[in-house]
Amino acid sequence: MTVYRSRNSLRGPLTPDRITALLLPLTRVGRRGYRTGDVDALLHRLAHELRARTRERDRALAENQRIRNALRSWQSDQARARHDALTAGPGGTTERRADR
């Protein structure tokens, strides 16, 4: 993912707090521009949606880590069980196999 680069105050990573704190320059009197209230409303909406997506991403990353840890644990248990089955002698005693 590339980072958006700008010559204005949006340098660096875009976070909800930075969007909320952003102040856009006002146009001179008599010139065309955007209504401040509309711009502020848009910035607040963007910050809200960015927070929601960040929470969703964090939840997905945590779930991914939980599944990865569960898989590693299962694989270790399976490897241990295979090892125990291969090294167990007749009657359940553990002895080294000569063919290994």
Protein backbone atom coordinates (compact mmCIF):
# COMPACT_ATOMS: atom_id res chain seq x y z
CA MET A 1 0.00 0.00 0.00
CA THR A 2 1.39 3.41 -0.90
CA VAL A 3 1.25 6.46 1.30
CA TYR A 4 -0.48 9.55 -0.04
CA ARG A 5 1.98 12.43 -0.28
CA SER A 6 0.85 16.04 -0.26
CA ARG A 7 2.37 19.49 0.08
CA ASN A 8 -0.28 20.53 2.58
CA SER A 9 -1.06 19.58 6.18
CA LEU A 10 -1.93 15.95 5.33
CA ARG A 11 1.68 14.75 5.38
CA GLY A 12 2.30 11.45 7.13
CA PRO A 13 -0.14 8.67 7.95
CA LEU A 14 -3.80 9.58 7.90
CA THR A 15 -5.45 8.83 11.24
CA PRO A 16 -8.91 9.64 12.58
CA ASP A 17 -7.44 12.13 15.06
CA ARG A 18 -5.47 13.92 12.37
CA ILE A 19 -8.57 14.18 10.17
CA THR A 20 -10.62 15.58 13.05
CA ALA A 21 -7.93 18.14 13.95
CA LEU A 22 -7.34 19.19 10.34
CA LEU A 23 -7.95 22.85 9.56
CA LEU A 24 -8.31 23.69 5.90
CA PRO A 25 -7.44 27.20 4.76
CA LEU A 26 -10.38 29.54 4.27
CA THR A 27 -10.92 31.33 0.99
CA ARG A 28 -10.68 35.09 0.82
CA VAL A 29 -13.89 37.07 1.14
CA GLY A 30 -15.70 37.25 -2.16
CA ARG A 31 -14.00 34.18 -3.62
CA ARG A 32 -15.63 30.86 -4.28
CA GLY A 33 -14.99 28.02 -1.89
CA TYR A 34 -16.55 25.34 0.24
CA ARG A 35 -18.84 25.93 3.18
CA THR A 36 -16.92 25.34 6.38
CA GLY A 37 -19.77 23.37 7.98
CA ASP A 38 -19.94 20.97 5.05
CA VAL A 39 -16.19 20.39 5.06
CA ASP A 40 -16.19 19.84 8.84
CA ALA A 41 -19.07 17.37 8.55
CA LEU A 42 -17.21 15.45 5.85
CA LEU A 43 -14.02 15.36 7.92
CA HIS A 44 -15.92 14.04 10.94
CA ARG A 45 -17.58 11.36 8.80
CA LEU A 46 -14.21 10.33 7.34
CA ALA A 47 -12.70 10.13 10.82
CA HIS A 48 -15.62 8.01 12.05
CA GLU A 49 -15.38 5.59 9.12
CA LEU A 50 -11.60 5.36 9.41
CA ARG A 51 -11.95 4.48 13.12
CA ALA A 52 -14.52 1.79 12.27
CA ARG A 53 -12.27 0.27 9.60
CA THR A 54 -9.28 0.39 11.92
CA ARG A 55 -11.27 -1.50 14.59
CA GLU A 56 -12.36 -4.09 12.00
CA ARG A 57 -8.77 -4.55 10.83
CA ASP A 58 -7.51 -4.90 14.40
CA ARG A 59 -10.18 -7.51 15.16
CA ALA A 60 -9.26 -9.45 12.00
CA LEU A 61 -5.56 -9.34 12.89
CA ALA A 62 -6.29 -10.59 16.42
CA GLU A 63 -8.46 -13.42 15.07
CA ASN A 64 -5.73 -14.30 12.57
CA GLN A 65 -3.18 -14.50 15.39
CA ARG A 66 -5.55 -16.62 17.51
CA ILE A 67 -6.06 -19.08 14.63
CA ARG A 68 -2.32 -19.17 13.88
CA ASN A 69 -1.54 -19.99 17.52
CA ALA A 70 -4.25 -22.67 17.62
CA LEU A 71 -2.86 -24.25 14.44
CA ARG A 72 0.69 -24.27 15.83
CA SER A 73 -0.54 -25.88 19.04
CA TRP A 74 -2.49 -28.51 17.09
CA GLN A 75 0.52 -29.23 14.86
CA SER A 76 2.75 -29.65 17.91
CA ASP A 77 0.23 -32.01 19.51
CA GLN A 78 0.01 -34.04 16.29
CA ALA A 79 3.80 -34.23 15.93
CA ARG A 80 4.14 -35.29 19.58
CA ALA A 81 1.45 -37.97 19.12
CA ARG A 82 3.15 -39.29 15.96
CA HIS A 83 6.50 -39.35 17.73
CA ASP A 84 5.01 -41.17 20.73
CA ALA A 85 3.28 -43.69 18.43
CA LEU A 86 6.50 -44.38 16.51
CA THR A 87 8.65 -44.78 19.61
CA ALA A 88 6.17 -46.87 21.62
CA GLY A 89 7.07 -50.53 21.68
CA PRO A 90 4.77 -53.51 22.13
CA GLY A 91 2.60 -53.22 25.19
CA GLY A 92 2.91 -49.44 25.27
CA THR A 93 6.53 -49.27 26.43
CA THR A 94 8.75 -46.67 24.90
CA GLU A 95 11.84 -47.88 23.13
CA ARG A 96 13.92 -46.64 20.26
CA ARG A 97 13.18 -48.10 16.83
CA ALA A 98 16.22 -49.58 15.15
CA ASP A 99 15.20 -48.57 11.62
CA ARG A 100 15.38 -44.82 12.38
